[in-house]
Amino acid sequence: MPQLNPAPWFLILVFSWCVFLIILPPKVLAHSFPNEPTSQTKQKPQTNSWSWPWQ
């Protein structure tokens, strides 16, 4: 039964992990976001209390 022969499947496993660990991470890390996050102020915005008409 050929599926019990690990020789071709082990080589495919090794090459696929080489692709995942060597080639893909630089491509993913080189991705730039269109909107860079901006730092927010530490000051809280002024909030007004609600005036409920039934109270």
N, C-alpha and C. Protein backbone atom coordinates (compact mmCIF):
# COMPACT_ATOMS: atom_id res chain seq x y z
N MET A 1 0.85 -1.19 0.00
CA MET A 1 0.00 0.00 0.00
C MET A 1 0.90 1.25 0.00
N PRO A 2 0.77 2.10 -0.99
CA PRO A 2 1.70 3.23 -1.12
C PRO A 2 1.51 4.30 -0.06
N GLN A 3 0.34 4.42 0.55
CA GLN A 3 0.14 5.47 1.54
C GLN A 3 0.91 5.21 2.83
N LEU A 4 1.42 4.00 3.01
CA LEU A 4 2.20 3.70 4.20
C LEU A 4 3.68 4.04 4.01
N ASN A 5 4.09 4.40 2.82
CA ASN A 5 5.47 4.78 2.55
C ASN A 5 5.63 6.26 2.93
N PRO A 6 6.38 6.57 4.02
CA PRO A 6 6.46 7.96 4.48
C PRO A 6 7.42 8.83 3.69
N ALA A 7 8.19 8.27 2.78
CA ALA A 7 9.23 9.05 2.10
C ALA A 7 8.67 10.25 1.33
N PRO A 8 7.70 10.13 0.42
CA PRO A 8 7.27 11.34 -0.30
C PRO A 8 6.48 12.30 0.60
N TRP A 9 5.72 11.77 1.56
CA TRP A 9 4.89 12.64 2.38
C TRP A 9 5.73 13.41 3.39
N PHE A 10 6.79 12.83 3.87
CA PHE A 10 7.67 13.55 4.80
C PHE A 10 8.36 14.71 4.08
N LEU A 11 8.77 14.49 2.85
CA LEU A 11 9.41 15.56 2.08
C LEU A 11 8.41 16.69 1.79
N ILE A 12 7.17 16.34 1.49
CA ILE A 12 6.13 17.36 1.28
C ILE A 12 5.88 18.13 2.57
N LEU A 13 5.85 17.44 3.70
CA LEU A 13 5.67 18.09 4.99
C LEU A 13 6.81 19.06 5.28
N VAL A 14 8.03 18.65 5.03
CA VAL A 14 9.19 19.51 5.31
C VAL A 14 9.17 20.74 4.41
N PHE A 15 8.89 20.56 3.14
CA PHE A 15 8.86 21.71 2.23
C PHE A 15 7.71 22.67 2.56
N SER A 16 6.57 22.13 2.93
CA SER A 16 5.45 23.01 3.27
C SER A 16 5.76 23.81 4.54
N TRP A 17 6.41 23.19 5.54
CA TRP A 17 6.78 23.94 6.73
C TRP A 17 7.86 24.96 6.45
N CYS A 18 8.75 24.66 5.51
CA CYS A 18 9.75 25.66 5.12
C CYS A 18 9.07 26.88 4.49
N VAL A 19 8.07 26.63 3.69
CA VAL A 19 7.32 27.75 3.09
C VAL A 19 6.63 28.55 4.17
N PHE A 20 5.97 27.87 5.12
CA PHE A 20 5.24 28.57 6.16
C PHE A 20 6.16 29.34 7.11
N LEU A 21 7.35 28.84 7.37
CA LEU A 21 8.21 29.46 8.36
C LEU A 21 9.26 30.40 7.79
N ILE A 22 9.59 30.29 6.51
CA ILE A 22 10.66 31.11 5.94
C ILE A 22 10.12 32.14 4.94
N ILE A 23 9.24 31.72 4.07
CA ILE A 23 8.81 32.59 2.97
C ILE A 23 7.63 33.47 3.36
N LEU A 24 6.65 32.94 4.06
CA LEU A 24 5.43 33.70 4.34
C LEU A 24 5.56 34.79 5.42
N PRO A 25 6.29 34.58 6.53
CA PRO A 25 6.32 35.63 7.55
C PRO A 25 6.84 37.00 7.07
N PRO A 26 7.90 37.09 6.26
CA PRO A 26 8.29 38.43 5.78
C PRO A 26 7.22 39.08 4.92
N LYS A 27 6.50 38.27 4.15
CA LYS A 27 5.44 38.85 3.32
C LYS A 27 4.29 39.38 4.18
N VAL A 28 3.97 38.67 5.23
CA VAL A 28 2.89 39.12 6.11
C VAL A 28 3.33 40.34 6.91
N LEU A 29 4.56 40.34 7.39
CA LEU A 29 5.04 41.47 8.19
C LEU A 29 5.29 42.72 7.36
N ALA A 30 5.44 42.58 6.06
CA ALA A 30 5.65 43.73 5.20
C ALA A 30 4.34 44.43 4.86
N HIS A 31 3.23 43.86 5.25
CA HIS A 31 1.93 44.46 4.98
C HIS A 31 1.78 45.76 5.74
N SER A 32 1.36 46.79 5.07
CA SER A 32 1.15 48.09 5.73
C SER A 32 -0.34 48.38 5.80
N PHE A 33 -0.76 48.91 6.92
CA PHE A 33 -2.16 49.24 7.11
C PHE A 33 -2.44 50.62 6.52
N PRO A 34 -3.58 50.81 5.88
CA PRO A 34 -3.87 52.11 5.28
C PRO A 34 -4.09 53.21 6.32
N ASN A 35 -4.62 52.88 7.47
CA ASN A 35 -4.87 53.87 8.51
C ASN A 35 -4.06 53.50 9.74
N GLU A 36 -2.97 54.19 9.95
CA GLU A 36 -2.15 53.92 11.12
C GLU A 36 -2.88 54.43 12.37
N PRO A 37 -2.81 53.71 13.46
CA PRO A 37 -3.50 54.16 14.68
C PRO A 37 -2.85 55.43 15.23
N THR A 38 -3.68 56.32 15.72
CA THR A 38 -3.19 57.56 16.31
C THR A 38 -3.31 57.47 17.82
N SER A 39 -2.46 58.18 18.50
CA SER A 39 -2.53 58.16 19.95
C SER A 39 -3.70 59.02 20.41
N GLN A 40 -4.42 58.51 21.39
CA GLN A 40 -5.57 59.23 21.90
C GLN A 40 -5.15 60.06 23.11
N THR A 41 -5.90 61.11 23.35
CA THR A 41 -5.61 61.95 24.50
C THR A 41 -6.05 61.26 25.77
N LYS A 42 -5.41 61.62 26.87
CA LYS A 42 -5.77 61.01 28.16
C LYS A 42 -6.93 61.75 28.81
N GLN A 43 -7.35 62.84 28.23
CA GLN A 43 -8.43 63.62 28.80
C GLN A 43 -9.77 62.98 28.41
N LYS A 44 -10.65 62.81 29.41
CA LYS A 44 -11.96 62.23 29.15
C LYS A 44 -12.86 63.27 28.48
N PRO A 45 -13.68 62.83 27.55
CA PRO A 45 -14.62 63.78 26.94
C PRO A 45 -15.71 64.18 27.94
N GLN A 46 -16.21 65.38 27.79
CA GLN A 46 -17.26 65.89 28.67
C GLN A 46 -18.57 65.19 28.33
N THR A 47 -19.18 64.54 29.31
CA THR A 47 -20.46 63.87 29.09
C THR A 47 -21.54 64.58 29.90
N ASN A 48 -22.69 64.68 29.32
CA ASN A 48 -23.83 65.30 29.99
C ASN A 48 -24.79 64.22 30.45
N SER A 49 -25.43 64.47 31.59
CA SER A 49 -26.40 63.50 32.08
C SER A 49 -27.69 63.61 31.27
N TRP A 50 -28.37 62.51 31.16
CA TRP A 50 -29.62 62.49 30.41
C TRP A 50 -30.74 63.08 31.25
N SER A 51 -31.58 63.81 30.59
CA SER A 51 -32.78 64.30 31.28
C SER A 51 -33.97 63.46 30.84
N TRP A 52 -34.32 62.48 31.66
CA TRP A 52 -35.43 61.59 31.32
C TRP A 52 -36.75 62.31 31.61
N PRO A 53 -37.66 62.34 30.66
CA PRO A 53 -38.92 63.05 30.87
C PRO A 53 -39.85 62.36 31.86
N TRP A 54 -39.69 61.09 32.14
CA TRP A 54 -40.63 60.39 33.02
C TRP A 54 -40.14 60.34 34.46
N GLN A 55 -39.05 60.98 34.78
CA GLN A 55 -38.60 60.98 36.19
C GLN A 55 -38.81 62.33 36.82
